[in-house]
Amino acid sequence: MTDTISQDTGKPALALLIAAPRGFCAGVDRAIRIVELAIEKHGAPVYVRHEIVHNKFVVDSLKAKGAVFVEELHEVPDGAHVVFSAHGVPKSVPADAEGRGLDYFDATCPLVSKVHRQAERLVDHGRHIVFIGHAGHPEVIGTFGQVPPGSMSLIETVADAEVFAPADPANLAFLTQTTLSVDDTAAVVAVLQRRFPMIQAPRGEDICYATSNRQAAVKAIAASCDAMLVIGAPNSSNSVRLVEVAEREGTPAMLIQRANELDWTFLYGVGTLGITAGASAPELLVRELVERLSTRFDVTEQEVETNRETIAFKLPRALDAA
C-alpha cells in the first residue's frame, strides 16, 4: 500500500479519481422503473424473463419488491404479468406471450430496439448482416431473433473478420452489439471494410452513448491511476469492457460486484485509485466502496467528468400513468 501516512488519522493516504459518467444509463433506469411500476400497478408477483439488467444487487432489490425472475416464458403462470429484459428478446418471445394471453411489458433499451429495426430493414432490402458481438449474450440472441435464420453472421474478433467468407461479398451490411469495446469494434470494422469495400455501415453508431462515454471516462483517468476498480457484474459486457480499457491503458484493473469483494492486496503500492461503475451498477455501490476504502485509508475524492448525460427514455404508455 501507499507509504504516505496521514498525520491526522494515522492511515495510509489514498487519492480516489472517480470517473464520470459512470453507473446507471437511461436504458437501465427505464428497465428498472418498468418492473417497479408493473408491480405497483398489478401487484406482486410480476415475472421478469432473464435478469432485467446484469447486476445482482438490482435483481435482488427487485425480488424484494415482488419480482420473480425466470429464464424462459414457460415458467410464467397463465394470467401473470411479465417483463422482458433491457437486453431485448427474439420476436418469438412476445409472440409466444400473446399466444398465451400473457400481459407483457417490453423493457428493451430503445437503443437496442433501434438495432433491431435496422436489422429488419437491411434484411428486407436483401442484405446479409455481419453482426459484431459476443456469442451467447442476450442482446445478440435477441437481435438474431428479429430476422429469419441465416440472415446474419456473428463476428467476434479481428481474426473472425479476416476469415469470414460470405456467399455474396458485394451485398453485406454490418451492425454491432451496443455494449462492445469502442476500440476493438473499430478494429473489426476496419478489417471488414478493407475486405468488403461495399459493406453498408449502420446509419448511426450502434455502440450506445453510455458504453462509449464510460470507456472514454476510464481512458481520461487511467494514466493518472496506479490501479482501477470497476463495479459491475462478470456477465455485464459493458462492465468487463471497462476493465479491458483500463488495462489497455497500462493500468491494472479489477472487476468487483460489491465492496466486500475487494481484495486488499490489490491495493499494495497504490497511491491513486480509479473508480468507475458499469451501466447496470447503481451509484450507492460506488459510495459503499468509498466507505469501505475509508476504513483503511485516509481517502480524498476527485470526480473527473468527461461528459454529461441528459438522455431519458419514455416509459411504455401502459405504465406511464401508473
Protein backbone atom coordinates (compact mmCIF):
# COMPACT_ATOMS: atom_id res chain seq x y z
CA MET A 1 0.00 0.00 0.00
CA THR A 2 0.98 3.64 -0.26
CA ASP A 3 3.74 4.77 2.14
CA THR A 4 2.23 8.22 2.77
CA ILE A 5 0.63 8.26 6.24
CA SER A 6 -1.88 10.89 7.28
CA GLN A 7 -0.79 12.65 10.49
CA ASP A 8 -4.46 13.24 11.35
CA THR A 9 -5.75 9.68 11.01
CA GLY A 10 -2.64 7.51 11.04
CA LYS A 11 -3.95 5.78 7.93
CA PRO A 12 -2.20 5.49 4.55
CA ALA A 13 -3.29 8.21 2.13
CA LEU A 14 -5.32 7.13 -0.91
CA ALA A 15 -6.42 9.52 -3.63
CA LEU A 16 -9.56 8.44 -5.50
CA LEU A 17 -10.21 9.53 -9.07
CA ILE A 18 -13.86 8.77 -9.72
CA ALA A 19 -14.86 8.61 -13.37
CA ALA A 20 -17.92 10.45 -14.65
CA PRO A 21 -20.13 9.44 -16.27
CA ARG A 22 -20.43 6.08 -14.53
CA GLY A 23 -23.19 3.76 -13.34
CA PHE A 24 -26.78 3.68 -14.48
CA CYS A 25 -27.64 4.73 -18.02
CA ALA A 26 -31.05 5.83 -19.26
CA GLY A 27 -31.90 2.38 -20.61
CA VAL A 28 -31.18 0.71 -17.26
CA ASP A 29 -33.12 3.37 -15.36
CA ARG A 30 -36.09 2.79 -17.64
CA ALA A 31 -35.97 -1.01 -17.36
CA ILE A 32 -35.86 -0.98 -13.56
CA ARG A 33 -38.69 1.56 -13.41
CA ILE A 34 -40.83 -0.61 -15.70
CA VAL A 35 -40.55 -3.52 -13.26
CA GLU A 36 -41.29 -1.28 -10.27
CA LEU A 37 -44.32 0.32 -11.95
CA ALA A 38 -45.65 -3.05 -13.11
CA ILE A 39 -45.56 -4.26 -9.50
CA GLU A 40 -47.21 -1.05 -8.26
CA LYS A 41 -49.96 -1.29 -10.86
CA HIS A 42 -50.68 -5.01 -10.85
CA GLY A 43 -49.31 -6.21 -7.52
CA ALA A 44 -46.79 -8.93 -6.84
CA PRO A 45 -45.66 -11.16 -8.30
CA VAL A 46 -44.58 -9.71 -11.64
CA TYR A 47 -42.41 -12.10 -13.64
CA VAL A 48 -39.25 -10.98 -15.41
CA ARG A 49 -37.71 -13.05 -18.19
CA HIS A 50 -33.95 -13.12 -17.57
CA GLU A 51 -32.14 -10.59 -15.39
CA ILE A 52 -33.71 -7.21 -16.09
CA VAL A 53 -30.15 -5.86 -16.15
CA HIS A 54 -26.88 -7.60 -15.34
CA ASN A 55 -26.49 -6.63 -11.69
CA LYS A 56 -27.15 -8.90 -8.71
CA PHE A 57 -27.86 -6.02 -6.33
CA VAL A 58 -30.53 -4.63 -8.66
CA VAL A 59 -32.06 -8.06 -9.24
CA ASP A 60 -32.17 -8.83 -5.50
CA SER A 61 -33.71 -5.41 -4.78
CA LEU A 62 -36.48 -6.07 -7.30
CA LYS A 63 -37.05 -9.57 -5.91
CA ALA A 64 -37.65 -7.98 -2.52
CA LYS A 65 -40.35 -5.78 -4.11
CA GLY A 66 -42.15 -8.73 -5.70
CA ALA A 67 -40.37 -9.53 -8.96
CA VAL A 68 -39.87 -13.19 -9.86
CA PHE A 69 -37.05 -13.87 -12.32
CA VAL A 70 -37.34 -16.78 -14.74
CA GLU A 71 -35.21 -17.99 -17.62
CA GLU A 72 -37.95 -18.86 -20.08
CA LEU A 73 -41.54 -17.88 -20.73
CA HIS A 74 -42.94 -21.36 -19.99
CA GLU A 75 -42.07 -20.73 -16.32
CA VAL A 76 -44.56 -17.84 -16.19
CA PRO A 77 -48.01 -18.93 -14.97
CA ASP A 78 -51.10 -18.28 -17.10
CA GLY A 79 -52.67 -14.91 -16.38
CA ALA A 80 -49.48 -13.41 -14.94
CA HIS A 81 -47.73 -10.19 -15.93
CA VAL A 82 -44.24 -10.46 -17.41
CA VAL A 83 -41.44 -8.01 -18.25
CA PHE A 84 -38.79 -8.61 -20.92
CA SER A 85 -35.26 -7.55 -20.03
CA ALA A 86 -33.37 -4.47 -21.22
CA HIS A 87 -31.20 -6.63 -23.50
CA GLY A 88 -34.08 -7.43 -25.86
CA VAL A 89 -35.69 -10.71 -26.87
CA PRO A 90 -36.26 -12.61 -30.11
CA LYS A 91 -39.58 -11.91 -31.85
CA SER A 92 -40.73 -15.39 -30.89
CA VAL A 93 -40.91 -14.43 -27.20
CA PRO A 94 -43.61 -11.71 -27.39
CA ALA A 95 -45.38 -13.85 -29.98
CA ASP A 96 -45.49 -16.74 -27.50
CA ALA A 97 -46.68 -14.38 -24.76
CA GLU A 98 -49.51 -13.13 -26.96
CA GLY A 99 -50.38 -16.69 -27.91
CA ARG A 100 -50.81 -17.50 -24.22
CA GLY A 101 -52.69 -14.30 -23.48
CA LEU A 102 -49.98 -13.02 -21.13
CA ASP A 103 -49.88 -9.32 -20.32
CA TYR A 104 -46.29 -8.26 -21.00
CA PHE A 105 -44.14 -5.14 -20.82
CA ASP A 106 -41.09 -4.79 -23.04
CA ALA A 107 -38.16 -3.15 -21.18
CA THR A 108 -35.79 -3.48 -24.15
CA CYS A 109 -33.45 -0.50 -24.23
CA PRO A 110 -34.58 1.84 -27.04
CA LEU A 111 -31.02 1.83 -28.42
CA VAL A 112 -31.15 -1.96 -28.71
CA SER A 113 -34.57 -1.68 -30.35
CA LYS A 114 -33.01 0.70 -32.87
CA VAL A 115 -30.53 -2.02 -33.84
CA HIS A 116 -33.42 -4.49 -34.15
CA ARG A 117 -35.22 -2.17 -36.58
CA GLN A 118 -32.07 -1.66 -38.62
CA ALA A 119 -31.61 -5.43 -38.88
CA GLU A 120 -35.15 -5.87 -40.17
CA ARG A 121 -34.75 -3.09 -42.75
CA LEU A 122 -31.44 -4.42 -44.03
CA VAL A 123 -32.79 -7.94 -44.46
CA ASP A 124 -35.89 -6.55 -46.17
CA HIS A 125 -33.53 -4.87 -48.64
CA GLY A 126 -31.75 -8.14 -49.32
CA ARG A 127 -28.58 -7.51 -47.33
CA HIS A 128 -26.78 -10.19 -45.34
CA ILE A 129 -25.84 -8.79 -41.93
CA VAL A 130 -22.46 -9.21 -40.32
CA PHE A 131 -23.18 -8.76 -36.61
CA ILE A 132 -20.25 -7.85 -34.38
CA GLY A 133 -20.87 -9.11 -30.85
CA HIS A 134 -20.29 -11.79 -28.23
CA ALA A 135 -21.79 -15.24 -28.76
CA GLY A 136 -24.43 -16.15 -26.21
CA HIS A 137 -25.02 -12.61 -24.94
CA PRO A 138 -28.76 -11.92 -24.52
CA GLU A 139 -28.56 -8.87 -26.78
CA VAL A 140 -27.01 -10.93 -29.57
CA ILE A 141 -29.65 -13.66 -29.17
CA GLY A 142 -32.40 -11.05 -29.23
CA THR A 143 -31.06 -9.32 -32.34
CA PHE A 144 -30.60 -12.56 -34.27
CA GLY A 145 -34.19 -13.37 -33.33
CA GLN A 146 -35.50 -10.35 -35.24
CA VAL A 147 -34.69 -11.77 -38.68
CA PRO A 148 -35.05 -15.12 -40.47
CA PRO A 149 -32.39 -17.78 -39.72
CA GLY A 150 -29.35 -17.46 -41.96
CA SER A 151 -29.80 -13.70 -42.43
CA MET A 152 -26.96 -12.81 -40.06
CA SER A 153 -23.43 -14.00 -39.33
CA LEU A 154 -21.70 -13.38 -35.99
CA ILE A 155 -18.20 -11.92 -35.92
CA GLU A 156 -16.47 -11.65 -32.53
CA THR A 157 -12.85 -10.79 -33.32
CA VAL A 158 -10.48 -9.36 -35.91
CA ALA A 159 -9.42 -12.95 -36.66
CA ASP A 160 -13.06 -13.86 -37.38
CA ALA A 161 -13.34 -10.88 -39.74
CA GLU A 162 -10.20 -11.94 -41.61
CA VAL A 163 -11.56 -15.40 -42.46
CA PHE A 164 -15.25 -14.57 -42.93
CA ALA A 165 -16.38 -15.95 -46.30
CA PRO A 166 -19.84 -14.69 -47.26
CA ALA A 167 -21.82 -16.11 -50.17
CA ASP A 168 -22.33 -12.63 -51.66
CA PRO A 169 -19.46 -10.29 -50.66
CA ALA A 170 -20.99 -7.36 -52.54
CA ASN A 171 -24.26 -7.45 -50.61
CA LEU A 172 -23.29 -7.07 -46.96
CA ALA A 173 -24.09 -4.74 -44.07
CA PHE A 174 -22.79 -4.70 -40.51
CA LEU A 175 -24.34 -3.96 -37.15
CA THR A 176 -22.91 -4.23 -33.65
CA GLN A 177 -23.89 -5.12 -30.11
CA THR A 178 -24.40 -1.89 -28.16
CA THR A 179 -22.02 -2.72 -25.27
CA LEU A 180 -18.75 -3.52 -27.05
CA SER A 181 -15.27 -2.05 -26.73
CA VAL A 182 -15.15 1.01 -28.98
CA ASP A 183 -11.52 0.31 -29.94
CA ASP A 184 -11.96 -3.43 -30.53
CA THR A 185 -15.06 -2.85 -32.63
CA ALA A 186 -13.29 -0.22 -34.74
CA ALA A 187 -10.53 -2.75 -35.46
CA VAL A 188 -13.05 -5.39 -36.58
CA VAL A 189 -14.92 -2.87 -38.74
CA ALA A 190 -11.66 -1.77 -40.36
CA VAL A 191 -10.96 -5.36 -41.45
CA LEU A 192 -14.49 -5.82 -42.81
CA GLN A 193 -14.32 -2.55 -44.76
CA ARG A 194 -10.90 -3.44 -46.16
CA ARG A 195 -12.04 -6.90 -47.25
CA PHE A 196 -15.54 -5.89 -48.37
CA PRO A 197 -15.47 -2.27 -49.60
CA MET A 198 -19.17 -2.41 -50.50
CA ILE A 199 -20.29 -3.33 -46.98
CA GLN A 200 -23.00 -1.00 -45.69
CA ALA A 201 -22.41 0.70 -42.33
CA PRO A 202 -25.18 1.48 -39.82
CA ARG A 203 -27.00 4.80 -40.17
CA GLY A 204 -25.53 5.84 -36.82
CA GLU A 205 -23.18 4.45 -34.21
CA ASP A 206 -24.56 1.19 -32.77
CA ILE A 207 -22.38 1.17 -29.65
CA CYS A 208 -24.55 3.10 -27.24
CA TYR A 209 -23.66 6.53 -25.87
CA ALA A 210 -23.39 5.19 -22.31
CA THR A 211 -20.89 2.48 -23.25
CA SER A 212 -18.77 4.95 -25.25
CA ASN A 213 -18.93 7.61 -22.54
CA ARG A 214 -17.91 5.25 -19.74
CA GLN A 215 -14.99 3.92 -21.74
CA ALA A 216 -13.84 7.48 -22.56
CA ALA A 217 -14.09 8.41 -18.87
CA VAL A 218 -11.84 5.48 -17.92
CA LYS A 219 -9.30 6.48 -20.58
CA ALA A 220 -9.28 10.02 -19.19
CA ILE A 221 -8.13 8.93 -15.73
CA ALA A 222 -6.31 5.63 -16.28
CA ALA A 223 -2.87 7.16 -16.89
CA SER A 224 -3.13 9.07 -13.58
CA CYS A 225 -4.06 5.96 -11.57
CA ASP A 226 -1.90 3.21 -10.10
CA ALA A 227 -4.87 0.84 -10.30
CA MET A 228 -8.60 0.89 -11.07
CA LEU A 229 -11.68 -0.77 -9.62
CA VAL A 230 -14.73 -1.32 -11.81
CA ILE A 231 -18.04 -2.06 -10.09
CA GLY A 232 -20.14 -4.39 -12.19
CA ALA A 233 -21.18 -7.97 -12.82
CA PRO A 234 -18.95 -10.52 -14.58
CA ASN A 235 -21.76 -11.15 -17.10
CA SER A 236 -22.13 -7.42 -17.80
CA SER A 237 -20.48 -6.81 -21.17
CA ASN A 238 -20.07 -3.07 -20.72
CA SER A 239 -18.50 -3.54 -17.25
CA VAL A 240 -15.98 -6.11 -18.46
CA ARG A 241 -15.07 -3.76 -21.31
CA LEU A 242 -14.20 -1.04 -18.75
CA VAL A 243 -11.64 -3.35 -17.15
CA GLU A 244 -10.16 -4.05 -20.57
CA VAL A 245 -9.99 -0.35 -21.42
CA ALA A 246 -8.07 0.43 -18.23
CA GLU A 247 -5.66 -2.45 -18.76
CA ARG A 248 -5.09 -1.39 -22.35
CA GLU A 249 -4.02 2.00 -21.00
CA GLY A 250 -1.46 0.18 -18.81
CA THR A 251 -3.40 0.39 -15.54
CA PRO A 252 -4.11 -2.78 -13.52
CA ALA A 253 -7.87 -3.14 -13.09
CA MET A 254 -10.23 -5.38 -11.16
CA LEU A 255 -13.95 -6.04 -11.56
CA ILE A 256 -15.95 -6.36 -8.32
CA GLN A 257 -19.70 -6.61 -7.77
CA ARG A 258 -19.73 -5.20 -4.23
CA ALA A 259 -17.25 -3.55 -1.87
CA ASN A 260 -17.00 -6.74 0.19
CA GLU A 261 -15.34 -8.48 -2.78
CA LEU A 262 -12.38 -6.11 -2.66
CA ASP A 263 -9.04 -7.91 -2.35
CA TRP A 264 -6.95 -5.55 -0.22
CA THR A 265 -3.71 -6.96 -1.64
CA PHE A 266 -4.71 -5.39 -4.98
CA LEU A 267 -4.04 -2.01 -3.38
CA TYR A 268 -0.43 -2.65 -2.32
CA GLY A 269 1.66 0.22 -3.64
CA VAL A 270 -1.40 2.15 -4.84
CA GLY A 271 -1.45 5.86 -4.06
CA THR A 272 -4.08 6.87 -6.63
CA LEU A 273 -7.04 4.58 -7.31
CA GLY A 274 -9.51 5.00 -10.15
CA ILE A 275 -13.13 4.01 -9.60
CA THR A 276 -15.93 3.58 -12.10
CA ALA A 277 -19.13 1.55 -12.44
CA GLY A 278 -20.77 -0.22 -15.36
CA ALA A 279 -24.08 0.96 -16.76
CA SER A 280 -26.04 -1.56 -14.67
CA ALA A 281 -24.46 -0.63 -11.32
CA PRO A 282 -26.23 1.87 -9.02
CA GLU A 283 -24.35 4.80 -7.51
CA LEU A 284 -24.90 3.56 -3.97
CA LEU A 285 -22.47 0.72 -4.72
CA VAL A 286 -19.82 3.32 -5.55
CA ARG A 287 -20.48 5.06 -2.22
CA GLU A 288 -20.35 1.71 -0.45
CA LEU A 289 -16.90 1.08 -1.94
CA VAL A 290 -15.62 4.53 -0.94
CA GLU A 291 -16.83 3.95 2.62
CA ARG A 292 -15.09 0.58 2.78
CA LEU A 293 -11.85 2.10 1.49
CA SER A 294 -12.16 4.79 4.18
CA THR A 295 -11.93 2.15 6.90
CA ARG A 296 -8.28 1.53 5.99
CA PHE A 297 -7.19 4.67 4.17
CA ASP A 298 -7.26 8.42 4.57
CA VAL A 299 -9.31 8.94 1.41
CA THR A 300 -9.57 12.03 -0.77
CA GLU A 301 -12.00 12.08 -3.68
CA GLN A 302 -11.92 13.84 -7.03
CA GLU A 303 -14.59 13.30 -9.68
CA VAL A 304 -13.31 13.63 -13.24
CA GLU A 305 -16.16 14.41 -15.61
CA THR A 306 -15.62 13.92 -19.33
CA ASN A 307 -19.24 14.11 -20.46
CA ARG A 308 -22.63 14.97 -19.01
CA GLU A 309 -25.52 12.66 -19.87
CA THR A 310 -29.01 14.13 -20.12
CA ILE A 311 -30.77 11.41 -22.12
CA ALA A 312 -34.02 9.96 -20.76
CA PHE A 313 -36.28 7.38 -22.39
CA LYS A 314 -40.06 7.30 -22.26
CA LEU A 315 -41.86 4.58 -20.36
CA PRO A 316 -44.36 2.28 -22.10
CA ARG A 317 -47.70 4.06 -22.41
CA ALA A 318 -49.46 1.41 -20.31
CA LEU A 319 -47.24 2.28 -17.33
CA ASP A 320 -46.55 5.95 -17.86
CA ALA A 321 -49.59 6.95 -15.81
CA ALA A 322 -49.16 4.17 -13.24
